[in-house]
């Protein structure tokens, strides 16, 4: 409150304003420094050659050949601990592991509806594709001909209910 702002280890700031919510200010440092750890860990994983598919809230989703998976998991956990140590002045956080081996895949129950919506849109778009008639001009990309596509329909999805 004396400075009118809070900041993370790497300088991400929030202005406190004149009438701040104390709960939000208390939560900011934990959430924002957690985000600092995740951003740093993602960069470190990519630099280490780990195939990072996505950050998932406070975790990472990696991909590796089955024969290298255990080593990649070990290296990922070490990298996450190293990132936490940099943000938390030497304190190292542990991480848990959930493994999905082919043909299994990661599914978050909160995202099933969105996944189904996206898959439905892709199916609609695929069903509408046809080969261009012989007399249709082709656009050139490098040396490969590319048929012009009609613009994809736009979708606006809104759901006020929170998925549990």
C-alpha atoms as a PDB file:
ATOM      1  CA  UNK A   1       0.000   0.000   0.000  1.00  0.00           C
ATOM      2  CA  UNK A   2       2.936   2.341   0.624  1.00  0.00           C
ATOM      3  CA  UNK A   3       4.113   2.044  -2.970  1.00  0.00           C
ATOM      4  CA  UNK A   4       0.662   1.855  -4.570  1.00  0.00           C
ATOM      5  CA  UNK A   5       1.517  -1.399  -6.326  1.00  0.00           C
ATOM      6  CA  UNK A   6       2.584  -4.996  -5.869  1.00  0.00           C
ATOM      7  CA  UNK A   7       5.082  -6.779  -8.065  1.00  0.00           C
ATOM      8  CA  UNK A   8       6.361 -10.259  -8.750  1.00  0.00           C
ATOM      9  CA  UNK A   9       9.937 -11.476  -8.623  1.00  0.00           C
ATOM     10  CA  UNK A  10      10.393 -10.642 -12.315  1.00  0.00           C
ATOM     11  CA  UNK A  11       8.578  -7.299 -12.159  1.00  0.00           C
ATOM     12  CA  UNK A  12       4.969  -8.025 -13.217  1.00  0.00           C
ATOM     13  CA  UNK A  13       2.971  -5.342 -11.402  1.00  0.00           C
ATOM     14  CA  UNK A  14      -0.538  -4.548 -10.289  1.00  0.00           C
ATOM     15  CA  UNK A  15      -1.592  -1.076  -9.177  1.00  0.00           C
ATOM     16  CA  UNK A  16      -3.387  -1.077  -5.820  1.00  0.00           C
ATOM     17  CA  UNK A  17      -5.570   1.957  -6.540  1.00  0.00           C
ATOM     18  CA  UNK A  18      -7.337   4.012  -3.900  1.00  0.00           C
ATOM     19  CA  UNK A  19      -9.793   1.366  -2.634  1.00  0.00           C
ATOM     20  CA  UNK A  20      -8.188  -2.048  -3.204  1.00  0.00           C
ATOM     21  CA  UNK A  21      -9.721  -5.411  -2.412  1.00  0.00           C
ATOM     22  CA  UNK A  22      -7.412  -6.852   0.293  1.00  0.00           C
ATOM     23  CA  UNK A  23      -8.227 -10.441  -0.718  1.00  0.00           C
ATOM     24  CA  UNK A  24      -7.218  -9.725  -4.329  1.00  0.00           C
ATOM     25  CA  UNK A  25      -3.958  -8.151  -3.218  1.00  0.00           C
ATOM     26  CA  UNK A  26      -3.119 -11.138  -1.000  1.00  0.00           C
ATOM     27  CA  UNK A  27      -3.911 -13.511  -3.857  1.00  0.00           C
ATOM     28  CA  UNK A  28      -1.976 -11.552  -6.494  1.00  0.00           C
ATOM     29  CA  UNK A  29       1.507 -12.468  -5.288  1.00  0.00           C
ATOM     30  CA  UNK A  30       0.726 -16.176  -5.099  1.00  0.00           C
ATOM     31  CA  UNK A  31      -1.024 -16.344  -8.484  1.00  0.00           C
ATOM     32  CA  UNK A  32       1.323 -14.011 -10.338  1.00  0.00           C
ATOM     33  CA  UNK A  33       4.520 -15.606  -9.011  1.00  0.00           C
ATOM     34  CA  UNK A  34       3.047 -19.012  -9.895  1.00  0.00           C
ATOM     35  CA  UNK A  35       2.568 -17.670 -13.432  1.00  0.00           C
ATOM     36  CA  UNK A  36       6.197 -16.461 -13.405  1.00  0.00           C
ATOM     37  CA  UNK A  37       7.302 -20.006 -12.523  1.00  0.00           C
ATOM     38  CA  UNK A  38       5.219 -21.533 -15.292  1.00  0.00           C
ATOM     39  CA  UNK A  39       6.434 -19.060 -17.947  1.00  0.00           C
ATOM     40  CA  UNK A  40      10.042 -19.638 -16.919  1.00  0.00           C
ATOM     41  CA  UNK A  41       9.588 -23.422 -16.832  1.00  0.00           C
ATOM     42  CA  UNK A  42       8.004 -23.421 -20.304  1.00  0.00           C
ATOM     43  CA  UNK A  43      10.954 -21.487 -21.727  1.00  0.00           C
ATOM     44  CA  UNK A  44      13.440 -23.760 -19.994  1.00  0.00           C
ATOM     45  CA  UNK A  45      11.662 -26.905 -21.247  1.00  0.00           C
ATOM     46  CA  UNK A  46      11.692 -25.706 -24.853  1.00  0.00           C
ATOM     47  CA  UNK A  47      15.370 -24.761 -24.571  1.00  0.00           C
ATOM     48  CA  UNK A  48      16.117 -28.235 -23.157  1.00  0.00           C
ATOM     49  CA  UNK A  49      14.476 -29.862 -26.171  1.00  0.00           C
ATOM     50  CA  UNK A  50      11.403 -31.205 -24.366  1.00  0.00           C
ATOM     51  CA  UNK A  51       8.352 -31.178 -26.645  1.00  0.00           C
ATOM     52  CA  UNK A  52       6.012 -28.874 -24.747  1.00  0.00           C
ATOM     53  CA  UNK A  53       2.447 -29.195 -26.028  1.00  0.00           C
ATOM     54  CA  UNK A  54       0.828 -26.668 -23.687  1.00  0.00           C
ATOM     55  CA  UNK A  55       0.772 -25.176 -20.241  1.00  0.00           C
ATOM     56  CA  UNK A  56      -2.366 -26.381 -18.443  1.00  0.00           C
ATOM     57  CA  UNK A  57      -3.245 -23.955 -15.614  1.00  0.00           C
ATOM     58  CA  UNK A  58      -0.424 -24.795 -13.171  1.00  0.00           C
ATOM     59  CA  UNK A  59       1.031 -27.748 -15.068  1.00  0.00           C
ATOM     60  CA  UNK A  60       2.580 -28.622 -18.404  1.00  0.00           C
ATOM     61  CA  UNK A  61       1.605 -31.147 -21.045  1.00  0.00           C
ATOM     62  CA  UNK A  62       4.607 -32.720 -22.753  1.00  0.00           C
ATOM     63  CA  UNK A  63       4.974 -35.257 -25.525  1.00  0.00           C
ATOM     64  CA  UNK A  64       7.743 -37.817 -25.940  1.00  0.00           C
ATOM     65  CA  UNK A  65       8.322 -41.127 -27.725  1.00  0.00           C
ATOM     66  CA  UNK A  66       7.284 -43.991 -25.426  1.00  0.00           C
ATOM     67  CA  UNK A  67      10.868 -45.230 -25.160  1.00  0.00           C
ATOM     68  CA  UNK A  68      11.984 -41.787 -23.906  1.00  0.00           C
ATOM     69  CA  UNK A  69       8.916 -40.886 -21.859  1.00  0.00           C
ATOM     70  CA  UNK A  70      10.258 -41.756 -18.395  1.00  0.00           C
ATOM     71  CA  UNK A  71      13.454 -39.743 -18.978  1.00  0.00           C
ATOM     72  CA  UNK A  72      11.464 -36.809 -20.387  1.00  0.00           C
ATOM     73  CA  UNK A  73       9.203 -36.848 -17.318  1.00  0.00           C
ATOM     74  CA  UNK A  74      12.222 -36.859 -15.015  1.00  0.00           C
ATOM     75  CA  UNK A  75      13.829 -33.977 -16.924  1.00  0.00           C
ATOM     76  CA  UNK A  76      10.549 -32.031 -16.917  1.00  0.00           C
ATOM     77  CA  UNK A  77      10.126 -32.428 -13.159  1.00  0.00           C
ATOM     78  CA  UNK A  78      13.717 -31.289 -12.624  1.00  0.00           C
ATOM     79  CA  UNK A  79      13.113 -28.254 -14.839  1.00  0.00           C
ATOM     80  CA  UNK A  80       9.913 -27.336 -12.980  1.00  0.00           C
ATOM     81  CA  UNK A  81      11.813 -27.556  -9.673  1.00  0.00           C
ATOM     82  CA  UNK A  82      14.644 -25.422 -11.099  1.00  0.00           C
ATOM     83  CA  UNK A  83      12.151 -22.768 -12.239  1.00  0.00           C
ATOM     84  CA  UNK A  84      10.496 -22.677  -8.822  1.00  0.00           C
ATOM     85  CA  UNK A  85      13.904 -22.306  -7.151  1.00  0.00           C
ATOM     86  CA  UNK A  86      14.677 -19.254  -9.294  1.00  0.00           C
ATOM     87  CA  UNK A  87      11.379 -17.578  -8.448  1.00  0.00           C
ATOM     88  CA  UNK A  88      11.240 -18.641  -4.785  1.00  0.00           C
ATOM     89  CA  UNK A  89      14.820 -17.802  -3.789  1.00  0.00           C
ATOM     90  CA  UNK A  90      16.022 -21.394  -3.697  1.00  0.00           C
ATOM     91  CA  UNK A  91      12.856 -23.142  -2.487  1.00  0.00           C
ATOM     92  CA  UNK A  92      12.042 -26.041  -4.800  1.00  0.00           C
ATOM     93  CA  UNK A  93       8.485 -27.187  -5.424  1.00  0.00           C
ATOM     94  CA  UNK A  94       7.744 -30.842  -6.133  1.00  0.00           C
ATOM     95  CA  UNK A  95       5.452 -31.860  -8.987  1.00  0.00           C
ATOM     96  CA  UNK A  96       3.168 -34.790  -9.546  1.00  0.00           C
ATOM     97  CA  UNK A  97       2.815 -36.748 -12.767  1.00  0.00           C
ATOM     98  CA  UNK A  98      -0.110 -38.134 -14.686  1.00  0.00           C
ATOM     99  CA  UNK A  99       0.997 -40.289 -17.619  1.00  0.00           C
ATOM    100  CA  UNK A 100      -1.031 -41.044 -20.738  1.00  0.00           C
ATOM    101  CA  UNK A 101       0.490 -43.602 -23.062  1.00  0.00           C
ATOM    102  CA  UNK A 102      -0.742 -44.017 -26.627  1.00  0.00           C
ATOM    103  CA  UNK A 103      -3.568 -44.615 -27.489  1.00  0.00           C
ATOM    104  CA  UNK A 104      -4.754 -42.839 -24.306  1.00  0.00           C
ATOM    105  CA  UNK A 105      -4.897 -39.032 -24.325  1.00  0.00           C
ATOM    106  CA  UNK A 106      -5.283 -36.238 -21.809  1.00  0.00           C
ATOM    107  CA  UNK A 107      -8.880 -35.175 -21.203  1.00  0.00           C
ATOM    108  CA  UNK A 108      -9.940 -32.451 -18.798  1.00  0.00           C
ATOM    109  CA  UNK A 109     -13.605 -32.941 -17.878  1.00  0.00           C
ATOM    110  CA  UNK A 110     -14.092 -29.158 -17.841  1.00  0.00           C
ATOM    111  CA  UNK A 111     -13.101 -28.988 -21.515  1.00  0.00           C
ATOM    112  CA  UNK A 112     -15.132 -31.869 -22.959  1.00  0.00           C
ATOM    113  CA  UNK A 113     -17.948 -29.640 -24.180  1.00  0.00           C
ATOM    114  CA  UNK A 114     -15.534 -27.242 -25.902  1.00  0.00           C
ATOM    115  CA  UNK A 115     -13.621 -30.183 -27.454  1.00  0.00           C
ATOM    116  CA  UNK A 116     -16.879 -31.591 -28.838  1.00  0.00           C
ATOM    117  CA  UNK A 117     -17.865 -28.153 -30.191  1.00  0.00           C
ATOM    118  CA  UNK A 118     -14.516 -27.685 -31.968  1.00  0.00           C
ATOM    119  CA  UNK A 119     -14.631 -31.227 -33.385  1.00  0.00           C
ATOM    120  CA  UNK A 120     -18.172 -30.548 -34.665  1.00  0.00           C
ATOM    121  CA  UNK A 121     -17.073 -27.327 -36.382  1.00  0.00           C
ATOM    122  CA  UNK A 122     -14.120 -29.114 -37.987  1.00  0.00           C
ATOM    123  CA  UNK A 123     -16.421 -31.899 -39.208  1.00  0.00           C
ATOM    124  CA  UNK A 124     -18.787 -29.303 -40.721  1.00  0.00           C
ATOM    125  CA  UNK A 125     -15.913 -27.583 -42.493  1.00  0.00           C
ATOM    126  CA  UNK A 126     -14.518 -30.885 -43.791  1.00  0.00           C
ATOM    127  CA  UNK A 127     -17.930 -31.995 -45.053  1.00  0.00           C
ATOM    128  CA  UNK A 128     -18.291 -28.781 -47.096  1.00  0.00           C
ATOM    129  CA  UNK A 129     -14.959 -29.148 -48.894  1.00  0.00           C
ATOM    130  CA  UNK A 130     -15.104 -30.261 -52.509  1.00  0.00           C
ATOM    131  CA  UNK A 131     -12.586 -30.421 -55.295  1.00  0.00           C
ATOM    132  CA  UNK A 132     -12.485 -27.336 -57.481  1.00  0.00           C
ATOM    133  CA  UNK A 133     -13.878 -27.728 -61.018  1.00  0.00           C
ATOM    134  CA  UNK A 134     -11.261 -28.158 -63.733  1.00  0.00           C
ATOM    135  CA  UNK A 135     -11.695 -24.586 -65.030  1.00  0.00           C
ATOM    136  CA  UNK A 136     -11.271 -22.988 -61.567  1.00  0.00           C
ATOM    137  CA  UNK A 137      -8.087 -20.907 -61.414  1.00  0.00           C
ATOM    138  CA  UNK A 138      -5.476 -22.096 -58.983  1.00  0.00           C
ATOM    139  CA  UNK A 139      -3.460 -19.958 -56.621  1.00  0.00           C
ATOM    140  CA  UNK A 140       0.192 -20.867 -56.421  1.00  0.00           C
ATOM    141  CA  UNK A 141       2.083 -21.411 -53.195  1.00  0.00           C
ATOM    142  CA  UNK A 142       5.695 -22.175 -53.992  1.00  0.00           C
ATOM    143  CA  UNK A 143       5.348 -24.822 -56.695  1.00  0.00           C
ATOM    144  CA  UNK A 144       2.239 -26.539 -55.298  1.00  0.00           C
ATOM    145  CA  UNK A 145      -1.195 -25.461 -56.580  1.00  0.00           C
ATOM    146  CA  UNK A 146      -3.653 -24.453 -53.848  1.00  0.00           C
ATOM    147  CA  UNK A 147      -7.395 -24.229 -54.447  1.00  0.00           C
ATOM    148  CA  UNK A 148      -9.030 -21.067 -53.117  1.00  0.00           C
ATOM    149  CA  UNK A 149     -11.230 -21.667 -50.072  1.00  0.00           C
ATOM    150  CA  UNK A 150     -14.393 -19.925 -49.142  1.00  0.00           C
ATOM    151  CA  UNK A 151     -14.141 -18.124 -45.816  1.00  0.00           C
ATOM    152  CA  UNK A 152     -14.951 -20.340 -42.860  1.00  0.00           C
ATOM    153  CA  UNK A 153     -18.113 -19.468 -40.944  1.00  0.00           C
ATOM    154  CA  UNK A 154     -17.626 -17.485 -37.766  1.00  0.00           C
ATOM    155  CA  UNK A 155     -18.788 -18.867 -34.446  1.00  0.00           C
ATOM    156  CA  UNK A 156     -19.416 -17.076 -31.193  1.00  0.00           C
ATOM    157  CA  UNK A 157     -19.730 -19.418 -28.251  1.00  0.00           C
ATOM    158  CA  UNK A 158     -20.976 -18.193 -24.935  1.00  0.00           C
ATOM    159  CA  UNK A 159     -21.911 -20.165 -21.871  1.00  0.00           C
ATOM    160  CA  UNK A 160     -22.667 -18.354 -18.634  1.00  0.00           C
ATOM    161  CA  UNK A 161     -22.665 -21.607 -16.648  1.00  0.00           C
ATOM    162  CA  UNK A 162     -19.370 -22.806 -15.266  1.00  0.00           C
ATOM    163  CA  UNK A 163     -18.577 -26.391 -16.194  1.00  0.00           C
ATOM    164  CA  UNK A 164     -17.818 -28.604 -13.221  1.00  0.00           C
END
